[in-house]
Full PDB file with SEQRES, HELIX, SHEET, SSBOND, CRYST1, ORIGX, SCALE, CONECT and MASTER records, all heavy atoms in Angstrom:
SEQRES   1 A   30  LEU LEU ARG ALA ALA PRO GLY ILE ALA LEU PRO GLU GLY          
SEQRES   2 A   30  LEU ALA GLY ALA ASP LEU GLY ALA MET SER ALA LEU ALA          
SEQRES   3 A   30  LEU GLY ARG SER                                              
HELIX    1 AA1 LEU A   19  LEU A   27  1                                   9    
CRYST1    1.000    1.000    1.000  90.00  90.00  90.00 P 1           1          
ORIGX1      1.000000  0.000000  0.000000        0.00000                         
ORIGX2      0.000000  1.000000  0.000000        0.00000                         
ORIGX3      0.000000  0.000000  1.000000        0.00000                         
SCALE1      1.000000  0.000000  0.000000        0.00000                         
SCALE2      0.000000  1.000000  0.000000        0.00000                         
SCALE3      0.000000  0.000000  1.000000        0.00000                         
ATOM      1  N   LEU A   1       8.436 -10.822   7.126  1.00  0.00           N  
ATOM      2  CA  LEU A   1       8.541  -9.685   6.315  1.00  0.00           C  
ATOM      3  C   LEU A   1       7.863  -8.451   6.896  1.00  0.00           C  
ATOM      4  O   LEU A   1       8.388  -7.291   6.901  1.00  0.00           O  
ATOM      5  CB  LEU A   1       7.976  -9.834   4.863  1.00  0.00           C  
ATOM      6  CG  LEU A   1       8.808 -10.815   3.976  1.00  0.00           C  
ATOM      7  CD1 LEU A   1       8.083 -10.982   2.672  1.00  0.00           C  
ATOM      8  CD2 LEU A   1      10.129 -10.248   3.716  1.00  0.00           C  
ATOM      9  N   LEU A   2       6.711  -8.646   7.396  1.00  0.00           N  
ATOM     10  CA  LEU A   2       5.949  -7.691   8.151  1.00  0.00           C  
ATOM     11  C   LEU A   2       6.754  -7.052   9.300  1.00  0.00           C  
ATOM     12  O   LEU A   2       6.684  -5.841   9.578  1.00  0.00           O  
ATOM     13  CB  LEU A   2       4.574  -8.137   8.622  1.00  0.00           C  
ATOM     14  CG  LEU A   2       3.523  -8.354   7.572  1.00  0.00           C  
ATOM     15  CD1 LEU A   2       2.286  -9.052   8.178  1.00  0.00           C  
ATOM     16  CD2 LEU A   2       3.160  -7.021   7.041  1.00  0.00           C  
ATOM     17  N   ARG A   3       7.481  -7.877  10.010  1.00  0.00           N  
ATOM     18  CA  ARG A   3       8.190  -7.355  11.176  1.00  0.00           C  
ATOM     19  C   ARG A   3       9.554  -6.769  10.738  1.00  0.00           C  
ATOM     20  O   ARG A   3       9.963  -5.697  11.250  1.00  0.00           O  
ATOM     21  CB  ARG A   3       8.561  -8.622  12.077  1.00  0.00           C  
ATOM     22  CG  ARG A   3       9.351  -8.207  13.420  1.00  0.00           C  
ATOM     23  CD  ARG A   3       8.243  -7.493  14.243  1.00  0.00           C  
ATOM     24  NE  ARG A   3       8.770  -7.192  15.587  1.00  0.00           N  
ATOM     25  CZ  ARG A   3       9.071  -6.032  16.110  1.00  0.00           C  
ATOM     26  NH1 ARG A   3       8.898  -4.980  15.428  1.00  0.00           N  
ATOM     27  NH2 ARG A   3       9.606  -5.896  17.252  1.00  0.00           N  
ATOM     28  N   ALA A   4      10.144  -7.303   9.731  1.00  0.00           N  
ATOM     29  CA  ALA A   4      11.475  -6.819   9.168  1.00  0.00           C  
ATOM     30  C   ALA A   4      11.397  -5.440   8.544  1.00  0.00           C  
ATOM     31  O   ALA A   4      12.103  -4.425   8.564  1.00  0.00           O  
ATOM     32  CB  ALA A   4      12.043  -7.829   8.446  1.00  0.00           C  
ATOM     33  N   ALA A   5      10.197  -5.340   7.752  1.00  0.00           N  
ATOM     34  CA  ALA A   5      10.027  -4.147   6.887  1.00  0.00           C  
ATOM     35  C   ALA A   5       8.557  -3.707   6.884  1.00  0.00           C  
ATOM     36  O   ALA A   5       7.881  -3.972   5.981  1.00  0.00           O  
ATOM     37  CB  ALA A   5      10.601  -4.271   5.514  1.00  0.00           C  
ATOM     38  N   PRO A   6       8.015  -3.080   8.020  1.00  0.00           N  
ATOM     39  CA  PRO A   6       6.623  -2.754   8.042  1.00  0.00           C  
ATOM     40  C   PRO A   6       6.329  -1.897   6.825  1.00  0.00           C  
ATOM     41  O   PRO A   6       6.994  -1.054   6.334  1.00  0.00           O  
ATOM     42  CB  PRO A   6       6.488  -1.852   9.360  1.00  0.00           C  
ATOM     43  CG  PRO A   6       7.574  -2.434  10.221  1.00  0.00           C  
ATOM     44  CD  PRO A   6       8.790  -2.822   9.243  1.00  0.00           C  
ATOM     45  N   GLY A   7       5.188  -2.280   6.211  1.00  0.00           N  
ATOM     46  CA  GLY A   7       4.575  -1.438   5.190  1.00  0.00           C  
ATOM     47  C   GLY A   7       5.052  -2.163   3.802  1.00  0.00           C  
ATOM     48  O   GLY A   7       4.576  -1.598   2.760  1.00  0.00           O  
ATOM     49  N   ILE A   8       5.959  -3.039   3.930  1.00  0.00           N  
ATOM     50  CA  ILE A   8       6.277  -3.860   2.565  1.00  0.00           C  
ATOM     51  C   ILE A   8       5.128  -4.496   2.037  1.00  0.00           C  
ATOM     52  O   ILE A   8       4.259  -4.989   2.788  1.00  0.00           O  
ATOM     53  CB  ILE A   8       7.489  -4.800   2.918  1.00  0.00           C  
ATOM     54  CG1 ILE A   8       8.124  -5.195   1.612  1.00  0.00           C  
ATOM     55  CG2 ILE A   8       6.961  -5.980   3.720  1.00  0.00           C  
ATOM     56  CD1 ILE A   8       9.401  -5.989   1.748  1.00  0.00           C  
ATOM     57  N   ALA A   9       4.993  -4.631   0.743  1.00  0.00           N  
ATOM     58  CA  ALA A   9       4.048  -5.416   0.037  1.00  0.00           C  
ATOM     59  C   ALA A   9       4.279  -6.858   0.214  1.00  0.00           C  
ATOM     60  O   ALA A   9       5.277  -7.380  -0.036  1.00  0.00           O  
ATOM     61  CB  ALA A   9       3.871  -5.044  -1.395  1.00  0.00           C  
ATOM     62  N   LEU A  10       3.275  -7.517   0.737  1.00  0.00           N  
ATOM     63  CA  LEU A  10       3.439  -9.103   0.873  1.00  0.00           C  
ATOM     64  C   LEU A  10       3.418  -9.732  -0.380  1.00  0.00           C  
ATOM     65  O   LEU A  10       2.765  -9.386  -1.376  1.00  0.00           O  
ATOM     66  CB  LEU A  10       2.347  -9.471   1.859  1.00  0.00           C  
ATOM     67  CG  LEU A  10       2.475  -9.160   3.284  1.00  0.00           C  
ATOM     68  CD1 LEU A  10       1.358  -9.564   4.036  1.00  0.00           C  
ATOM     69  CD2 LEU A  10       3.888  -9.640   3.953  1.00  0.00           C  
ATOM     70  N   PRO A  11       3.943 -10.959  -0.505  1.00  0.00           N  
ATOM     71  CA  PRO A  11       3.905 -11.794  -1.633  1.00  0.00           C  
ATOM     72  C   PRO A  11       2.419 -12.025  -1.992  1.00  0.00           C  
ATOM     73  O   PRO A  11       1.553 -12.176  -1.115  1.00  0.00           O  
ATOM     74  CB  PRO A  11       4.629 -13.147  -1.283  1.00  0.00           C  
ATOM     75  CG  PRO A  11       5.443 -12.699  -0.181  1.00  0.00           C  
ATOM     76  CD  PRO A  11       4.811 -11.488   0.611  1.00  0.00           C  
ATOM     77  N   GLU A  12       2.089 -12.254  -3.219  1.00  0.00           N  
ATOM     78  CA  GLU A  12       0.760 -12.603  -3.659  1.00  0.00           C  
ATOM     79  C   GLU A  12       0.294 -13.769  -3.071  1.00  0.00           C  
ATOM     80  O   GLU A  12       0.998 -14.837  -2.628  1.00  0.00           O  
ATOM     81  CB  GLU A  12       0.759 -12.800  -5.214  1.00  0.00           C  
ATOM     82  CG  GLU A  12      -0.621 -12.973  -5.734  1.00  0.00           C  
ATOM     83  CD  GLU A  12      -0.570 -13.127  -7.348  1.00  0.00           C  
ATOM     84  OE1 GLU A  12       0.388 -12.649  -7.915  1.00  0.00           O  
ATOM     85  OE2 GLU A  12      -1.521 -13.802  -7.817  1.00  0.00           O  
ATOM     86  N   GLY A  13      -1.027 -13.692  -2.561  1.00  0.00           N  
ATOM     87  CA  GLY A  13      -1.553 -14.766  -1.815  1.00  0.00           C  
ATOM     88  C   GLY A  13      -1.579 -14.597  -0.440  1.00  0.00           C  
ATOM     89  O   GLY A  13      -2.347 -15.328   0.267  1.00  0.00           O  
ATOM     90  N   LEU A  14      -0.845 -13.609   0.143  1.00  0.00           N  
ATOM     91  CA  LEU A  14      -0.741 -13.355   1.538  1.00  0.00           C  
ATOM     92  C   LEU A  14      -1.625 -12.158   2.032  1.00  0.00           C  
ATOM     93  O   LEU A  14      -2.124 -11.965   2.982  1.00  0.00           O  
ATOM     94  CB  LEU A  14       0.628 -13.347   2.091  1.00  0.00           C  
ATOM     95  CG  LEU A  14       1.404 -14.625   2.272  1.00  0.00           C  
ATOM     96  CD1 LEU A  14       2.751 -14.368   2.794  1.00  0.00           C  
ATOM     97  CD2 LEU A  14       0.628 -15.607   3.045  1.00  0.00           C  
ATOM     98  N   ALA A  15      -1.516 -11.121   0.956  1.00  0.00           N  
ATOM     99  CA  ALA A  15      -2.219  -9.911   1.321  1.00  0.00           C  
ATOM    100  C   ALA A  15      -3.671 -10.212   1.237  1.00  0.00           C  
ATOM    101  O   ALA A  15      -4.143 -11.148   0.500  1.00  0.00           O  
ATOM    102  CB  ALA A  15      -1.889  -8.855   0.168  1.00  0.00           C  
ATOM    103  N   GLY A  16      -4.420  -9.279   1.925  1.00  0.00           N  
ATOM    104  CA  GLY A  16      -5.916  -9.570   1.977  1.00  0.00           C  
ATOM    105  C   GLY A  16      -6.531  -9.234   3.267  1.00  0.00           C  
ATOM    106  O   GLY A  16      -5.999  -8.526   4.121  1.00  0.00           O  
ATOM    107  N   ALA A  17      -7.629  -9.787   3.501  1.00  0.00           N  
ATOM    108  CA  ALA A  17      -8.430  -9.729   4.681  1.00  0.00           C  
ATOM    109  C   ALA A  17      -7.742 -10.002   5.914  1.00  0.00           C  
ATOM    110  O   ALA A  17      -8.061  -9.369   7.024  1.00  0.00           O  
ATOM    111  CB  ALA A  17      -9.720 -10.443   4.609  1.00  0.00           C  
ATOM    112  N   ASP A  18      -6.758 -10.887   5.888  1.00  0.00           N  
ATOM    113  CA  ASP A  18      -6.171 -11.338   7.189  1.00  0.00           C  
ATOM    114  C   ASP A  18      -4.833 -10.547   7.428  1.00  0.00           C  
ATOM    115  O   ASP A  18      -4.134 -10.758   8.347  1.00  0.00           O  
ATOM    116  CB  ASP A  18      -5.735 -12.883   7.111  1.00  0.00           C  
ATOM    117  CG  ASP A  18      -4.912 -13.123   6.071  1.00  0.00           C  
ATOM    118  OD1 ASP A  18      -4.718 -12.370   5.083  1.00  0.00           O  
ATOM    119  OD2 ASP A  18      -4.373 -14.425   6.071  1.00  0.00           O  
ATOM    120  N   LEU A  19      -4.633  -9.348   6.695  1.00  0.00           N  
ATOM    121  CA  LEU A  19      -3.447  -8.626   6.912  1.00  0.00           C  
ATOM    122  C   LEU A  19      -3.378  -8.042   8.370  1.00  0.00           C  
ATOM    123  O   LEU A  19      -2.310  -7.955   8.932  1.00  0.00           O  
ATOM    124  CB  LEU A  19      -3.235  -7.453   5.888  1.00  0.00           C  
ATOM    125  CG  LEU A  19      -2.057  -6.654   5.865  1.00  0.00           C  
ATOM    126  CD1 LEU A  19      -0.895  -7.544   5.600  1.00  0.00           C  
ATOM    127  CD2 LEU A  19      -2.261  -5.669   4.687  1.00  0.00           C  
ATOM    128  N   GLY A  20      -4.513  -7.675   8.862  1.00  0.00           N  
ATOM    129  CA  GLY A  20      -4.477  -6.999  10.212  1.00  0.00           C  
ATOM    130  C   GLY A  20      -4.114  -8.000  11.234  1.00  0.00           C  
ATOM    131  O   GLY A  20      -3.238  -7.761  12.224  1.00  0.00           O  
ATOM    132  N   ALA A  21      -4.592  -9.275  11.135  1.00  0.00           N  
ATOM    133  CA  ALA A  21      -4.166 -10.331  12.102  1.00  0.00           C  
ATOM    134  C   ALA A  21      -2.731 -10.762  11.900  1.00  0.00           C  
ATOM    135  O   ALA A  21      -2.030 -10.935  12.932  1.00  0.00           O  
ATOM    136  CB  ALA A  21      -5.160 -11.460  11.814  1.00  0.00           C  
ATOM    137  N   MET A  22      -2.257 -10.734  10.704  1.00  0.00           N  
ATOM    138  CA  MET A  22      -0.952 -11.123  10.405  1.00  0.00           C  
ATOM    139  C   MET A  22      -0.016  -9.951  11.125  1.00  0.00           C  
ATOM    140  O   MET A  22       0.927 -10.260  11.704  1.00  0.00           O  
ATOM    141  CB  MET A  22      -0.548 -11.208   8.853  1.00  0.00           C  
ATOM    142  CG  MET A  22      -1.076 -12.424   8.306  1.00  0.00           C  
ATOM    143  SD  MET A  22      -0.513 -12.629   6.698  1.00  0.00           S  
ATOM    144  CE  MET A  22       1.103 -12.833   6.695  1.00  0.00           C  
ATOM    145  N   SER A  23      -0.367  -8.786  10.925  1.00  0.00           N  
ATOM    146  CA  SER A  23       0.468  -7.680  11.396  1.00  0.00           C  
ATOM    147  C   SER A  23       0.480  -7.652  12.872  1.00  0.00           C  
ATOM    148  O   SER A  23       1.540  -7.521  13.551  1.00  0.00           O  
ATOM    149  CB  SER A  23      -0.115  -6.267  11.015  1.00  0.00           C  
ATOM    150  OG  SER A  23       0.105  -6.151   9.623  1.00  0.00           O  
ATOM    151  N   ALA A  24      -0.592  -7.932  13.570  1.00  0.00           N  
ATOM    152  CA  ALA A  24      -0.709  -8.000  15.087  1.00  0.00           C  
ATOM    153  C   ALA A  24       0.212  -9.141  15.504  1.00  0.00           C  
ATOM    154  O   ALA A  24       0.925  -8.985  16.487  1.00  0.00           O  
ATOM    155  CB  ALA A  24      -2.069  -8.191  15.430  1.00  0.00           C  
ATOM    156  N   LEU A  25       0.144 -10.247  14.787  1.00  0.00           N  
ATOM    157  CA  LEU A  25       0.945 -11.355  15.300  1.00  0.00           C  
ATOM    158  C   LEU A  25       2.419 -11.109  15.114  1.00  0.00           C  
ATOM    159  O   LEU A  25       3.334 -11.352  15.952  1.00  0.00           O  
ATOM    160  CB  LEU A  25       0.631 -12.723  14.605  1.00  0.00           C  
ATOM    161  CG  LEU A  25       1.247 -14.005  15.001  1.00  0.00           C  
ATOM    162  CD1 LEU A  25       1.092 -14.358  16.518  1.00  0.00           C  
ATOM    163  CD2 LEU A  25       0.819 -15.166  14.167  1.00  0.00           C  
ATOM    164  N   ALA A  26       2.826 -10.444  13.960  1.00  0.00           N  
ATOM    165  CA  ALA A  26       4.196 -10.194  13.693  1.00  0.00           C  
ATOM    166  C   ALA A  26       4.785  -9.173  14.623  1.00  0.00           C  
ATOM    167  O   ALA A  26       5.797  -9.271  15.159  1.00  0.00           O  
ATOM    168  CB  ALA A  26       4.301  -9.676  12.149  1.00  0.00           C  
ATOM    169  N   LEU A  27       3.992  -8.034  14.823  1.00  0.00           N  
ATOM    170  CA  LEU A  27       4.452  -7.069  15.665  1.00  0.00           C  
ATOM    171  C   LEU A  27       4.513  -7.369  17.149  1.00  0.00           C  
ATOM    172  O   LEU A  27       5.126  -6.617  17.952  1.00  0.00           O  
ATOM    173  CB  LEU A  27       3.674  -5.678  15.400  1.00  0.00           C  
ATOM    174  CG  LEU A  27       3.782  -5.221  13.861  1.00  0.00           C  
ATOM    175  CD1 LEU A  27       2.779  -4.029  13.809  1.00  0.00           C  
ATOM    176  CD2 LEU A  27       5.168  -4.852  13.586  1.00  0.00           C  
ATOM    177  N   GLY A  28       3.798  -8.451  17.476  1.00  0.00           N  
ATOM    178  CA  GLY A  28       3.746  -8.851  18.923  1.00  0.00           C  
ATOM    179  C   GLY A  28       5.023  -9.761  19.170  1.00  0.00           C  
ATOM    180  O   GLY A  28       5.207 -10.240  20.404  1.00  0.00           O  
ATOM    181  N   ARG A  29       5.794 -10.074  18.214  1.00  0.00           N  
ATOM    182  CA  ARG A  29       7.019 -10.876  18.392  1.00  0.00           C  
ATOM    183  C   ARG A  29       8.265 -10.144  17.904  1.00  0.00           C  
ATOM    184  O   ARG A  29       8.171  -9.131  17.076  1.00  0.00           O  
ATOM    185  CB  ARG A  29       6.821 -12.208  17.461  1.00  0.00           C  
ATOM    186  CG  ARG A  29       5.713 -12.864  17.870  1.00  0.00           C  
ATOM    187  CD  ARG A  29       5.846 -13.631  19.214  1.00  0.00           C  
ATOM    188  NE  ARG A  29       4.555 -14.178  19.680  1.00  0.00           N  
ATOM    189  CZ  ARG A  29       4.408 -14.606  20.811  1.00  0.00           C  
ATOM    190  NH1 ARG A  29       5.251 -14.470  21.685  1.00  0.00           N  
ATOM    191  NH2 ARG A  29       3.228 -15.031  21.177  1.00  0.00           N  
ATOM    192  N   SER A  30       9.394 -10.633  18.388  1.00  0.00           N  
ATOM    193  CA  SER A  30      10.653  -9.962  17.955  1.00  0.00           C  
ATOM    194  C   SER A  30      11.125 -10.454  16.602  1.00  0.00           C  
ATOM    195  O   SER A  30      10.590 -11.480  16.223  1.00  0.00           O  
ATOM    196  CB  SER A  30      11.716 -10.280  19.060  1.00  0.00           C  
ATOM    197  OG  SER A  30      12.170 -11.666  18.906  1.00  0.00           O  
TER     198      SER A  30                                                      
MASTER        0    0    0    1    0    0    0    6  197    1    0    3          
END                                                                             
């Protein structure tokens, strides 16, 4: 979802302190 639609609200339970790390991993992949 982060890769498909940057800025989209993540499902509950995923948003939070690790959002930066998730974004970096997602944006580093196709």
